Amino acid sequence: MISTIVSISLAIVLTLVIGVYVYRLKNKNKEIRFIKDQQEANESIYGLILERSVIATEVKNNVRNKIAKDIHDGVVNGIFTIRFNLQQLKSENEDMKGILVNELQSLEKRIRDI
């Protein structure tokens, strides 16, 4: 009789110990899965940040190149027009040449400011 009670008690204790052990293993697995998922999410976010950074850099470079091209084309056309007008002037018209020279100086200043 006592041996039966001891056997049943040992079986219950052993079952409880195994149950606690299984429960702890499941919790540990959940924690490991959570950490793994968190790492994957962080890597995904980091990848998106890098991708957006590359896109932003490309957009900045494209805008910078467009602005530089517009400035260059506008300045070249302005200088060409003024130079052409200066070439067309006769030497008697010094006032107009002075005005155009002043425009050239103003244009140079604007280029330096840009």
PDB file of N, CA and C in Angstrom:
ATOM      1  N   MET A   1       0.797  -1.179   0.000  1.00  0.00           N
ATOM      2  CA  MET A   1       0.000   0.000   0.000  1.00  0.00           C
ATOM      3  C   MET A   1       0.855   1.265   0.000  1.00  0.00           C
ATOM      4  N   ILE A   2       1.836   1.295   0.875  1.00  0.00           N
ATOM      5  CA  ILE A   2       2.722   2.462   0.951  1.00  0.00           C
ATOM      6  C   ILE A   2       3.538   2.576  -0.339  1.00  0.00           C
ATOM      7  N   SER A   3       3.943   1.465  -0.838  1.00  0.00           N
ATOM      8  CA  SER A   3       4.723   1.521  -2.070  1.00  0.00           C
ATOM      9  C   SER A   3       3.870   2.030  -3.227  1.00  0.00           C
ATOM     10  N   THR A   4       2.603   1.745  -3.230  1.00  0.00           N
ATOM     11  CA  THR A   4       1.707   2.254  -4.261  1.00  0.00           C
ATOM     12  C   THR A   4       1.565   3.768  -4.128  1.00  0.00           C
ATOM     13  N   ILE A   5       1.397   4.248  -2.914  1.00  0.00           N
ATOM     14  CA  ILE A   5       1.276   5.686  -2.677  1.00  0.00           C
ATOM     15  C   ILE A   5       2.563   6.384  -3.078  1.00  0.00           C
ATOM     16  N   VAL A   6       3.687   5.810  -2.725  1.00  0.00           N
ATOM     17  CA  VAL A   6       4.985   6.391  -3.092  1.00  0.00           C
ATOM     18  C   VAL A   6       5.138   6.389  -4.609  1.00  0.00           C
ATOM     19  N   SER A   7       4.738   5.325  -5.246  1.00  0.00           N
ATOM     20  CA  SER A   7       4.836   5.235  -6.709  1.00  0.00           C
ATOM     21  C   SER A   7       3.951   6.280  -7.374  1.00  0.00           C
ATOM     22  N   ILE A   8       2.719   6.398  -6.882  1.00  0.00           N
ATOM     23  CA  ILE A   8       1.797   7.387  -7.450  1.00  0.00           C
ATOM     24  C   ILE A   8       2.325   8.796  -7.202  1.00  0.00           C
ATOM     25  N   SER A   9       2.848   9.052  -6.025  1.00  0.00           N
ATOM     26  CA  SER A   9       3.411  10.368  -5.693  1.00  0.00           C
ATOM     27  C   SER A   9       4.597  10.680  -6.585  1.00  0.00           C
ATOM     28  N   LEU A  10       5.459   9.703  -6.773  1.00  0.00           N
ATOM     29  CA  LEU A  10       6.617   9.916  -7.656  1.00  0.00           C
ATOM     30  C   LEU A  10       6.167  10.176  -9.093  1.00  0.00           C
ATOM     31  N   ALA A  11       5.143   9.473  -9.526  1.00  0.00           N
ATOM     32  CA  ALA A  11       4.626   9.666 -10.883  1.00  0.00           C
ATOM     33  C   ALA A  11       4.045  11.076 -11.027  1.00  0.00           C
ATOM     34  N   ILE A  12       3.316  11.534 -10.030  1.00  0.00           N
ATOM     35  CA  ILE A  12       2.736  12.882 -10.065  1.00  0.00           C
ATOM     36  C   ILE A  12       3.838  13.933 -10.059  1.00  0.00           C
ATOM     37  N   VAL A  13       4.829  13.764  -9.183  1.00  0.00           N
ATOM     38  CA  VAL A  13       5.938  14.720  -9.109  1.00  0.00           C
ATOM     39  C   VAL A  13       6.704  14.726 -10.429  1.00  0.00           C
ATOM     40  N   LEU A  14       6.962  13.539 -10.968  1.00  0.00           N
ATOM     41  CA  LEU A  14       7.676  13.435 -12.229  1.00  0.00           C
ATOM     42  C   LEU A  14       6.883  14.087 -13.352  1.00  0.00           C
ATOM     43  N   THR A  15       5.578  13.894 -13.374  1.00  0.00           N
ATOM     44  CA  THR A  15       4.714  14.516 -14.381  1.00  0.00           C
ATOM     45  C   THR A  15       4.751  16.036 -14.242  1.00  0.00           C
ATOM     46  N   LEU A  16       4.684  16.519 -13.010  1.00  0.00           N
ATOM     47  CA  LEU A  16       4.742  17.967 -12.783  1.00  0.00           C
ATOM     48  C   LEU A  16       6.088  18.544 -13.216  1.00  0.00           C
ATOM     49  N   VAL A  17       7.171  17.851 -12.899  1.00  0.00           N
ATOM     50  CA  VAL A  17       8.504  18.314 -13.282  1.00  0.00           C
ATOM     51  C   VAL A  17       8.622  18.351 -14.803  1.00  0.00           C
ATOM     52  N   ILE A  18       8.158  17.309 -15.455  1.00  0.00           N
ATOM     53  CA  ILE A  18       8.194  17.281 -16.928  1.00  0.00           C
ATOM     54  C   ILE A  18       7.318  18.383 -17.501  1.00  0.00           C
ATOM     55  N   GLY A  19       6.141  18.596 -16.914  1.00  0.00           N
ATOM     56  CA  GLY A  19       5.247  19.669 -17.372  1.00  0.00           C
ATOM     57  C   GLY A  19       5.896  21.040 -17.246  1.00  0.00           C
ATOM     58  N   VAL A  20       6.535  21.310 -16.106  1.00  0.00           N
ATOM     59  CA  VAL A  20       7.224  22.592 -15.897  1.00  0.00           C
ATOM     60  C   VAL A  20       8.360  22.745 -16.900  1.00  0.00           C
ATOM     61  N   TYR A  21       9.101  21.673 -17.126  1.00  0.00           N
ATOM     62  CA  TYR A  21      10.228  21.707 -18.060  1.00  0.00           C
ATOM     63  C   TYR A  21       9.736  22.003 -19.482  1.00  0.00           C
ATOM     64  N   VAL A  22       8.658  21.342 -19.899  1.00  0.00           N
ATOM     65  CA  VAL A  22       8.086  21.571 -21.235  1.00  0.00           C
ATOM     66  C   VAL A  22       7.576  23.014 -21.349  1.00  0.00           C
ATOM     67  N   TYR A  23       6.915  23.477 -20.299  1.00  0.00           N
ATOM     68  CA  TYR A  23       6.403  24.854 -20.290  1.00  0.00           C
ATOM     69  C   TYR A  23       7.548  25.855 -20.453  1.00  0.00           C
ATOM     70  N   ARG A  24       8.637  25.658 -19.712  1.00  0.00           N
ATOM     71  CA  ARG A  24       9.799  26.557 -19.799  1.00  0.00           C
ATOM     72  C   ARG A  24      10.432  26.491 -21.188  1.00  0.00           C
ATOM     73  N   LEU A  25      10.506  25.307 -21.779  1.00  0.00           N
ATOM     74  CA  LEU A  25      11.056  25.172 -23.130  1.00  0.00           C
ATOM     75  C   LEU A  25      10.203  25.924 -24.151  1.00  0.00           C
ATOM     76  N   LYS A  26       8.885  25.808 -24.019  1.00  0.00           N
ATOM     77  CA  LYS A  26       7.996  26.528 -24.943  1.00  0.00           C
ATOM     78  C   LYS A  26       8.183  28.036 -24.807  1.00  0.00           C
ATOM     79  N   ASN A  27       8.259  28.510 -23.562  1.00  0.00           N
ATOM     80  CA  ASN A  27       8.472  29.942 -23.353  1.00  0.00           C
ATOM     81  C   ASN A  27       9.816  30.394 -23.920  1.00  0.00           C
ATOM     82  N   LYS A  28      10.833  29.577 -23.736  1.00  0.00           N
ATOM     83  CA  LYS A  28      12.157  29.910 -24.254  1.00  0.00           C
ATOM     84  C   LYS A  28      12.126  29.966 -25.785  1.00  0.00           C
ATOM     85  N   ASN A  29      11.424  29.012 -26.400  1.00  0.00           N
ATOM     86  CA  ASN A  29      11.292  29.006 -27.858  1.00  0.00           C
ATOM     87  C   ASN A  29      10.546  30.241 -28.355  1.00  0.00           C
ATOM     88  N   LYS A  30       9.491  30.632 -27.633  1.00  0.00           N
ATOM     89  CA  LYS A  30       8.758  31.847 -28.001  1.00  0.00           C
ATOM     90  C   LYS A  30       9.662  33.073 -27.921  1.00  0.00           C
ATOM     91  N   GLU A  31      10.457  33.126 -26.866  1.00  0.00           N
ATOM     92  CA  GLU A  31      11.377  34.255 -26.680  1.00  0.00           C
ATOM     93  C   GLU A  31      12.414  34.292 -27.807  1.00  0.00           C
ATOM     94  N   ILE A  32      12.948  33.124 -28.151  1.00  0.00           N
ATOM     95  CA  ILE A  32      13.941  33.059 -29.227  1.00  0.00           C
ATOM     96  C   ILE A  32      13.305  33.448 -30.558  1.00  0.00           C
ATOM     97  N   ARG A  33      12.094  32.965 -30.825  1.00  0.00           N
ATOM     98  CA  ARG A  33      11.387  33.354 -32.057  1.00  0.00           C
ATOM     99  C   ARG A  33      11.115  34.848 -32.095  1.00  0.00           C
ATOM    100  N   PHE A  34      10.722  35.410 -30.958  1.00  0.00           N
ATOM    101  CA  PHE A  34      10.465  36.853 -30.878  1.00  0.00           C
ATOM    102  C   PHE A  34      11.744  37.645 -31.178  1.00  0.00           C
ATOM    103  N   ILE A  35      12.854  37.226 -30.589  1.00  0.00           N
ATOM    104  CA  ILE A  35      14.130  37.923 -30.818  1.00  0.00           C
ATOM    105  C   ILE A  35      14.528  37.806 -32.290  1.00  0.00           C
ATOM    106  N   LYS A  36      14.347  36.625 -32.872  1.00  0.00           N
ATOM    107  CA  LYS A  36      14.673  36.417 -34.283  1.00  0.00           C
ATOM    108  C   LYS A  36      13.800  37.305 -35.164  1.00  0.00           C
ATOM    109  N   ASP A  37      12.497  37.334 -34.896  1.00  0.00           N
ATOM    110  CA  ASP A  37      11.588  38.190 -35.667  1.00  0.00           C
ATOM    111  C   ASP A  37      11.961  39.662 -35.524  1.00  0.00           C
ATOM    112  N   GLN A  38      12.347  40.048 -34.319  1.00  0.00           N
ATOM    113  CA  GLN A  38      12.755  41.431 -34.066  1.00  0.00           C
ATOM    114  C   GLN A  38      14.010  41.774 -34.879  1.00  0.00           C
ATOM    115  N   GLN A  39      14.962  40.857 -34.924  1.00  0.00           N
ATOM    116  CA  GLN A  39      16.182  41.079 -35.700  1.00  0.00           C
ATOM    117  C   GLN A  39      15.868  41.189 -37.181  1.00  0.00           C
ATOM    118  N   GLU A  40      14.976  40.326 -37.673  1.00  0.00           N
ATOM    119  CA  GLU A  40      14.582  40.392 -39.084  1.00  0.00           C
ATOM    120  C   GLU A  40      13.894  41.718 -39.391  1.00  0.00           C
ATOM    121  N   ALA A  41      13.027  42.166 -38.486  1.00  0.00           N
ATOM    122  CA  ALA A  41      12.353  43.452 -38.680  1.00  0.00           C
ATOM    123  C   ALA A  41      13.360  44.597 -38.683  1.00  0.00           C
ATOM    124  N   ASN A  42      14.331  44.555 -37.775  1.00  0.00           N
ATOM    125  CA  ASN A  42      15.365  45.590 -37.725  1.00  0.00           C
ATOM    126  C   ASN A  42      16.191  45.603 -39.000  1.00  0.00           C
ATOM    127  N   GLU A  43      16.535  44.414 -39.503  1.00  0.00           N
ATOM    128  CA  GLU A  43      17.297  44.336 -40.750  1.00  0.00           C
ATOM    129  C   GLU A  43      16.482  44.883 -41.911  1.00  0.00           C
ATOM    130  N   SER A  44      15.211  44.580 -41.922  1.00  0.00           N
ATOM    131  CA  SER A  44      14.334  45.085 -42.977  1.00  0.00           C
ATOM    132  C   SER A  44      14.244  46.607 -42.921  1.00  0.00           C
ATOM    133  N   ILE A  45      14.093  47.141 -41.731  1.00  0.00           N
ATOM    134  CA  ILE A  45      14.028  48.594 -41.558  1.00  0.00           C
ATOM    135  C   ILE A  45      15.343  49.231 -41.990  1.00  0.00           C
ATOM    136  N   TYR A  46      16.453  48.632 -41.597  1.00  0.00           N
ATOM    137  CA  TYR A  46      17.762  49.158 -41.975  1.00  0.00           C
ATOM    138  C   TYR A  46      17.925  49.143 -43.495  1.00  0.00           C
ATOM    139  N   GLY A  47      17.476  48.051 -44.137  1.00  0.00           N
ATOM    140  CA  GLY A  47      17.533  47.973 -45.600  1.00  0.00           C
ATOM    141  C   GLY A  47      16.706  49.064 -46.250  1.00  0.00           C
ATOM    142  N   LEU A  48      15.518  49.304 -45.722  1.00  0.00           N
ATOM    143  CA  LEU A  48      14.666  50.370 -46.270  1.00  0.00           C
ATOM    144  C   LEU A  48      15.301  51.741 -46.079  1.00  0.00           C
ATOM    145  N   ILE A  49      15.922  51.945 -44.917  1.00  0.00           N
ATOM    146  CA  ILE A  49      16.590  53.226 -44.663  1.00  0.00           C
ATOM    147  C   ILE A  49      17.720  53.426 -45.661  1.00  0.00           C
ATOM    148  N   LEU A  50      18.501  52.380 -45.886  1.00  0.00           N
ATOM    149  CA  LEU A  50      19.597  52.482 -46.861  1.00  0.00           C
ATOM    150  C   LEU A  50      19.069  52.756 -48.267  1.00  0.00           C
ATOM    151  N   GLU A  51      17.992  52.060 -48.622  1.00  0.00           N
ATOM    152  CA  GLU A  51      17.397  52.259 -49.946  1.00  0.00           C
ATOM    153  C   GLU A  51      16.900  53.691 -50.106  1.00  0.00           C
ATOM    154  N   ARG A  52      16.229  54.211 -49.100  1.00  0.00           N
ATOM    155  CA  ARG A  52      15.730  55.584 -49.153  1.00  0.00           C
ATOM    156  C   ARG A  52      16.880  56.585 -49.198  1.00  0.00           C
ATOM    157  N   SER A  53      17.947  56.264 -48.494  1.00  0.00           N
ATOM    158  CA  SER A  53      19.109  57.137 -48.493  1.00  0.00           C
ATOM    159  C   SER A  53      19.733  57.208 -49.886  1.00  0.00           C
ATOM    160  N   VAL A  54      19.815  56.059 -50.554  1.00  0.00           N
ATOM    161  CA  VAL A  54      20.361  56.030 -51.916  1.00  0.00           C
ATOM    162  C   VAL A  54      19.459  56.826 -52.856  1.00  0.00           C
ATOM    163  N   ILE A  55      18.157  56.643 -52.729  1.00  0.00           N
ATOM    164  CA  ILE A  55      17.213  57.381 -53.578  1.00  0.00           C
ATOM    165  C   ILE A  55      17.330  58.877 -53.319  1.00  0.00           C
ATOM    166  N   ALA A  56      17.412  59.269 -52.049  1.00  0.00           N
ATOM    167  CA  ALA A  56      17.533  60.690 -51.710  1.00  0.00           C
ATOM    168  C   ALA A  56      18.818  61.278 -52.290  1.00  0.00           C
ATOM    169  N   THR A  57      19.909  60.521 -52.219  1.00  0.00           N
ATOM    170  CA  THR A  57      21.175  60.995 -52.767  1.00  0.00           C
ATOM    171  C   THR A  57      21.075  61.157 -54.276  1.00  0.00           C
ATOM    172  N   GLU A  58      20.438  60.206 -54.940  1.00  0.00           N
ATOM    173  CA  GLU A  58      20.265  60.304 -56.395  1.00  0.00           C
ATOM    174  C   GLU A  58      19.416  61.518 -56.765  1.00  0.00           C
ATOM    175  N   VAL A  59      18.347  61.737 -56.019  1.00  0.00           N
ATOM    176  CA  VAL A  59      17.475  62.889 -56.294  1.00  0.00           C
ATOM    177  C   VAL A  59      18.245  64.191 -56.089  1.00  0.00           C
ATOM    178  N   LYS A  60      19.019  64.273 -54.991  1.00  0.00           N
ATOM    179  CA  LYS A  60      19.823  65.472 -54.738  1.00  0.00           C
ATOM    180  C   LYS A  60      20.801  65.718 -55.873  1.00  0.00           C
ATOM    181  N   ASN A  61      21.468  64.658 -56.316  1.00  0.00           N
ATOM    182  CA  ASN A  61      22.427  64.811 -57.406  1.00  0.00           C
ATOM    183  C   ASN A  61      21.748  65.234 -58.698  1.00  0.00           C
ATOM    184  N   ASN A  62      20.580  64.656 -58.987  1.00  0.00           N
ATOM    185  CA  ASN A  62      19.849  65.037 -60.198  1.00  0.00           C
ATOM    186  C   ASN A  62      19.424  66.503 -60.152  1.00  0.00           C
ATOM    187  N   VAL A  63      18.921  66.927 -58.987  1.00  0.00           N
ATOM    188  CA  VAL A  63      18.501  68.327 -58.839  1.00  0.00           C
ATOM    189  C   VAL A  63      19.710  69.249 -58.950  1.00  0.00           C
ATOM    190  N   ARG A  64      20.800  68.867 -58.297  1.00  0.00           N
ATOM    191  CA  ARG A  64      22.029  69.667 -58.347  1.00  0.00           C
ATOM    192  C   ARG A  64      22.530  69.795 -59.789  1.00  0.00           C
ATOM    193  N   ASN A  65      22.508  68.682 -60.530  1.00  0.00           N
ATOM    194  CA  ASN A  65      22.954  68.717 -61.926  1.00  0.00           C
ATOM    195  C   ASN A  65      22.035  69.566 -62.789  1.00  0.00           C
ATOM    196  N   LYS A  66      20.727  69.482 -62.537  1.00  0.00           N
ATOM    197  CA  LYS A  66      19.778  70.287 -63.316  1.00  0.00           C
ATOM    198  C   LYS A  66      20.001  71.772 -63.036  1.00  0.00           C
ATOM    199  N   ILE A  67      20.177  72.116 -61.766  1.00  0.00           N
ATOM    200  CA  ILE A  67      20.414  73.517 -61.413  1.00  0.00           C
ATOM    201  C   ILE A  67      21.711  74.001 -62.043  1.00  0.00           C
ATOM    202  N   ALA A  68      22.756  73.178 -61.964  1.00  0.00           N
ATOM    203  CA  ALA A  68      24.040  73.567 -62.553  1.00  0.00           C
ATOM    204  C   ALA A  68      23.905  73.754 -64.056  1.00  0.00           C
ATOM    205  N   LYS A  69      23.152  72.866 -64.716  1.00  0.00           N
ATOM    206  CA  LYS A  69      22.956  72.978 -66.168  1.00  0.00           C
ATOM    207  C   LYS A  69      22.174  74.242 -66.500  1.00  0.00           C
ATOM    208  N   ASP A  70      21.094  74.496 -65.737  1.00  0.00           N
ATOM    209  CA  ASP A  70      20.298  75.701 -65.980  1.00  0.00           C
ATOM    210  C   ASP A  70      21.128  76.965 -65.778  1.00  0.00           C
ATOM    211  N   ILE A  71      21.928  76.990 -64.724  1.00  0.00           N
ATOM    212  CA  ILE A  71      22.779  78.155 -64.467  1.00  0.00           C
ATOM    213  C   ILE A  71      23.781  78.319 -65.600  1.00  0.00           C
ATOM    214  N   HIS A  72      24.405  77.214 -65.964  1.00  0.00           N
ATOM    215  CA  HIS A  72      25.421  77.280 -67.015  1.00  0.00           C
ATOM    216  C   HIS A  72      24.819  77.780 -68.320  1.00  0.00           C
ATOM    217  N   ASP A  73      23.686  77.175 -68.719  1.00  0.00           N
ATOM    218  CA  ASP A  73      23.061  77.573 -69.977  1.00  0.00           C
ATOM    219  C   ASP A  73      22.601  79.023 -69.935  1.00  0.00           C
ATOM    220  N   GLY A  74      22.014  79.438 -68.818  1.00  0.00           N
ATOM    221  CA  GLY A  74      21.541  80.819 -68.695  1.00  0.00           C
ATOM    222  C   GLY A  74      22.682  81.813 -68.725  1.00  0.00           C
ATOM    223  N   VAL A  75      23.765  81.499 -68.033  1.00  0.00           N
ATOM    224  CA  VAL A  75      24.912  82.404 -67.982  1.00  0.00           C
ATOM    225  C   VAL A  75      25.585  82.477 -69.344  1.00  0.00           C
ATOM    226  N   VAL A  76      25.762  81.317 -69.979  1.00  0.00           N
ATOM    227  CA  VAL A  76      26.410  81.312 -71.292  1.00  0.00           C
ATOM    228  C   VAL A  76      25.585  82.123 -72.282  1.00  0.00           C
ATOM    229  N   ASN A  77      24.275  81.945 -72.263  1.00  0.00           N
ATOM    230  CA  ASN A  77      23.421  82.711 -73.179  1.00  0.00           C
ATOM    231  C   ASN A  77      23.482  84.205 -72.861  1.00  0.00           C
ATOM    232  N   GLY A  78      23.481  84.548 -71.586  1.00  0.00           N
ATOM    233  CA  GLY A  78      23.563  85.964 -71.215  1.00  0.00           C
ATOM    234  C   GLY A  78      24.875  86.581 -71.650  1.00  0.00           C
ATOM    235  N   ILE A  79      25.957  85.900 -71.418  1.00  0.00           N
ATOM    236  CA  ILE A  79      27.270  86.420 -71.811  1.00  0.00           C
ATOM    237  C   ILE A  79      27.372  86.503 -73.338  1.00  0.00           C
ATOM    238  N   PHE A  80      26.864  85.490 -74.027  1.00  0.00           N
ATOM    239  CA  PHE A  80      26.913  85.516 -75.491  1.00  0.00           C
ATOM    240  C   PHE A  80      26.138  86.712 -76.034  1.00  0.00           C
ATOM    241  N   THR A  81      24.948  86.945 -75.496  1.00  0.00           N
ATOM    242  CA  THR A  81      24.132  88.064 -75.968  1.00  0.00           C
ATOM    243  C   THR A  81      24.843  89.397 -75.750  1.00  0.00           C
ATOM    244  N   ILE A  82      25.389  89.555 -74.565  1.00  0.00           N
ATOM    245  CA  ILE A  82      26.088  90.810 -74.263  1.00  0.00           C
ATOM    246  C   ILE A  82      27.323  90.951 -75.146  1.00  0.00           C
ATOM    247  N   ARG A  83      28.071  89.887 -75.318  1.00  0.00           N
ATOM    248  CA  ARG A  83      29.268  89.939 -76.164  1.00  0.00           C
ATOM    249  C   ARG A  83      28.889  90.247 -77.608  1.00  0.00           C
ATOM    250  N   PHE A  84      27.814  89.612 -78.085  1.00  0.00           N
ATOM    251  CA  PHE A  84      27.356  89.870 -79.451  1.00  0.00           C
ATOM    252  C   PHE A  84      26.972  91.339 -79.618  1.00  0.00           C
ATOM    253  N   ASN A  85      26.239  91.873 -78.643  1.00  0.00           N
ATOM    254  CA  ASN A  85      25.841  93.282 -78.709  1.00  0.00           C
ATOM    255  C   ASN A  85      27.068  94.198 -78.657  1.00  0.00           C
ATOM    256  N   LEU A  86      28.038  93.855 -77.858  1.00  0.00           N
ATOM    257  CA  LEU A  86      29.254  94.669 -77.788  1.00  0.00           C
ATOM    258  C   LEU A  86      30.004  94.645 -79.117  1.00  0.00           C
ATOM    259  N   GLN A  87      30.013  93.492 -79.756  1.00  0.00           N
ATOM    260  CA  GLN A  87      30.706  93.408 -81.042  1.00  0.00           C
ATOM    261  C   GLN A  87      29.997  94.228 -82.113  1.00  0.00           C
ATOM    262  N   GLN A  88      28.707  94.365 -81.994  1.00  0.00           N
ATOM    263  CA  GLN A  88      27.936  95.099 -82.997  1.00  0.00           C
ATOM    264  C   GLN A  88      28.052  96.616 -82.827  1.00  0.00           C
ATOM    265  N   LEU A  89      28.464  97.063 -81.673  1.00  0.00           N
ATOM    266  CA  LEU A  89      28.545  98.504 -81.423  1.00  0.00           C
ATOM    267  C   LEU A  89      29.738  99.126 -82.133  1.00  0.00           C
ATOM    268  N   LYS A  90      29.514 100.304 -82.597  1.00  0.00           N
ATOM    269  CA  LYS A  90      30.607 101.072 -83.177  1.00  0.00           C
ATOM    270  C   LYS A  90      31.328 101.762 -82.040  1.00  0.00           C
ATOM    271  N   SER A  91      32.525 102.142 -82.263  1.00  0.00           N
ATOM    272  CA  SER A  91      33.333 102.728 -81.204  1.00  0.00           C
ATOM    273  C   SER A  91      32.828 104.092 -80.758  1.00  0.00           C
ATOM    274  N   GLU A  92      31.950 104.766 -81.541  1.00  0.00           N
ATOM    275  CA  GLU A  92      31.426 106.066 -81.133  1.00  0.00           C
ATOM    276  C   GLU A  92      30.432 105.949 -79.982  1.00  0.00           C
ATOM    277  N   ASN A  93      29.853 104.790 -79.786  1.00  0.00           N
ATOM    278  CA  ASN A  93      28.809 104.620 -78.788  1.00  0.00           C
ATOM    279  C   ASN A  93      29.404 104.048 -77.493  1.00  0.00           C
ATOM    280  N   GLU A  94      30.198 104.836 -76.843  1.00  0.00           N
ATOM    281  CA  GLU A  94      30.878 104.392 -75.623  1.00  0.00           C
ATOM    282  C   GLU A  94      29.909 104.228 -74.451  1.00  0.00           C
ATOM    283  N   ASP A  95      28.827 105.020 -74.430  1.00  0.00           N
ATOM    284  CA  ASP A  95      27.856 104.896 -73.334  1.00  0.00           C
ATOM    285  C   ASP A  95      27.208 103.508 -73.309  1.00  0.00           C
ATOM    286  N   MET A  96      26.798 103.059 -74.478  1.00  0.00           N
ATOM    287  CA  MET A  96      26.162 101.738 -74.563  1.00  0.00           C
ATOM    288  C   MET A  96      27.168 100.642 -74.204  1.00  0.00           C
ATOM    289  N   LYS A  97      28.389 100.782 -74.627  1.00  0.00           N
ATOM    290  CA  LYS A  97      29.413  99.805 -74.263  1.00  0.00           C
ATOM    291  C   LYS A  97      29.603  99.784 -72.748  1.00  0.00           C
ATOM    292  N   GLY A  98      29.587 100.956 -72.139  1.00  0.00           N
ATOM    293  CA  GLY A  98      29.728 101.026 -70.683  1.00  0.00           C
ATOM    294  C   GLY A  98      28.582 100.318 -69.977  1.00  0.00           C
ATOM    295  N   ILE A  99      27.360 100.518 -70.467  1.00  0.00           N
ATOM    296  CA  ILE A  99      26.188  99.856 -69.887  1.00  0.00           C
ATOM    297  C   ILE A  99      26.325  98.337 -70.000  1.00  0.00           C
ATOM    298  N   LEU A 100      26.733  97.885 -71.169  1.00  0.00           N
ATOM    299  CA  LEU A 100      26.880  96.441 -71.373  1.00  0.00           C
ATOM    300  C   LEU A 100      28.008  95.862 -70.526  1.00  0.00           C
ATOM    301  N   VAL A 101      29.081  96.614 -70.378  1.00  0.00           N
ATOM    302  CA  VAL A 101      30.165  96.154 -69.514  1.00  0.00           C
ATOM    303  C   VAL A 101      29.667  96.046 -68.076  1.00  0.00           C
ATOM    304  N   ASN A 102      28.870  97.026 -67.641  1.00  0.00           N
ATOM    305  CA  ASN A 102      28.290  96.960 -66.300  1.00  0.00           C
ATOM    306  C   ASN A 102      27.371  95.740 -66.151  1.00  0.00           C
ATOM    307  N   GLU A 103      26.614  95.421 -67.210  1.00  0.00           N
ATOM    308  CA  GLU A 103      25.772  94.233 -67.166  1.00  0.00           C
ATOM    309  C   GLU A 103      26.624  92.968 -67.037  1.00  0.00           C
ATOM    310  N   LEU A 104      27.733  92.940 -67.755  1.00  0.00           N
ATOM    311  CA  LEU A 104      28.646  91.804 -67.638  1.00  0.00           C
ATOM    312  C   LEU A 104      29.170  91.678 -66.215  1.00  0.00           C
ATOM    313  N   GLN A 105      29.534  92.794 -65.616  1.00  0.00           N
ATOM    314  CA  GLN A 105      30.033  92.762 -64.240  1.00  0.00           C
ATOM    315  C   GLN A 105      28.934  92.287 -63.284  1.00  0.00           C
ATOM    316  N   SER A 106      27.709  92.757 -63.514  1.00  0.00           N
ATOM    317  CA  SER A 106      26.587  92.326 -62.685  1.00  0.00           C
ATOM    318  C   SER A 106      26.346  90.813 -62.841  1.00  0.00           C
ATOM    319  N   LEU A 107      26.438  90.363 -64.075  1.00  0.00           N
ATOM    320  CA  LEU A 107      26.261  88.938 -64.347  1.00  0.00           C
ATOM    321  C   LEU A 107      27.356  88.115 -63.667  1.00  0.00           C
ATOM    322  N   GLU A 108      28.583  88.592 -63.714  1.00  0.00           N
ATOM    323  CA  GLU A 108      29.685  87.897 -63.035  1.00  0.00           C
ATOM    324  C   GLU A 108      29.419  87.826 -61.531  1.00  0.00           C
ATOM    325  N   LYS A 109      28.919  88.920 -60.962  1.00  0.00           N
ATOM    326  CA  LYS A 109      28.627  88.929 -59.528  1.00  0.00           C
ATOM    327  C   LYS A 109      27.539  87.909 -59.186  1.00  0.00           C
ATOM    328  N   ARG A 110      26.501  87.850 -60.002  1.00  0.00           N
ATOM    329  CA  ARG A 110      25.437  86.884 -59.755  1.00  0.00           C
ATOM    330  C   ARG A 110      25.949  85.446 -59.860  1.00  0.00           C
ATOM    331  N   ILE A 111      26.848  85.217 -60.806  1.00  0.00           N
ATOM    332  CA  ILE A 111      27.412  83.876 -60.941  1.00  0.00           C
ATOM    333  C   ILE A 111      28.201  83.532 -59.677  1.00  0.00           C
ATOM    334  N   ARG A 112      29.004  84.464 -59.190  1.00  0.00           N
ATOM    335  CA  ARG A 112      29.782  84.210 -57.972  1.00  0.00           C
ATOM    336  C   ARG A 112      28.857  83.965 -56.774  1.00  0.00           C
ATOM    337  N   ASP A 113      27.769  84.733 -56.693  1.00  0.00           N
ATOM    338  CA  ASP A 113      26.835  84.534 -55.581  1.00  0.00           C
ATOM    339  C   ASP A 113      26.178  83.148 -55.630  1.00  0.00           C
ATOM    340  N   ILE A 114      25.860  82.722 -56.842  1.00  0.00           N
ATOM    341  CA  ILE A 114      25.228  81.391 -56.987  1.00  0.00           C
ATOM    342  C   ILE A 114      26.241  80.320 -56.656  1.00  0.00           C
TER     343      ILE A 114
END
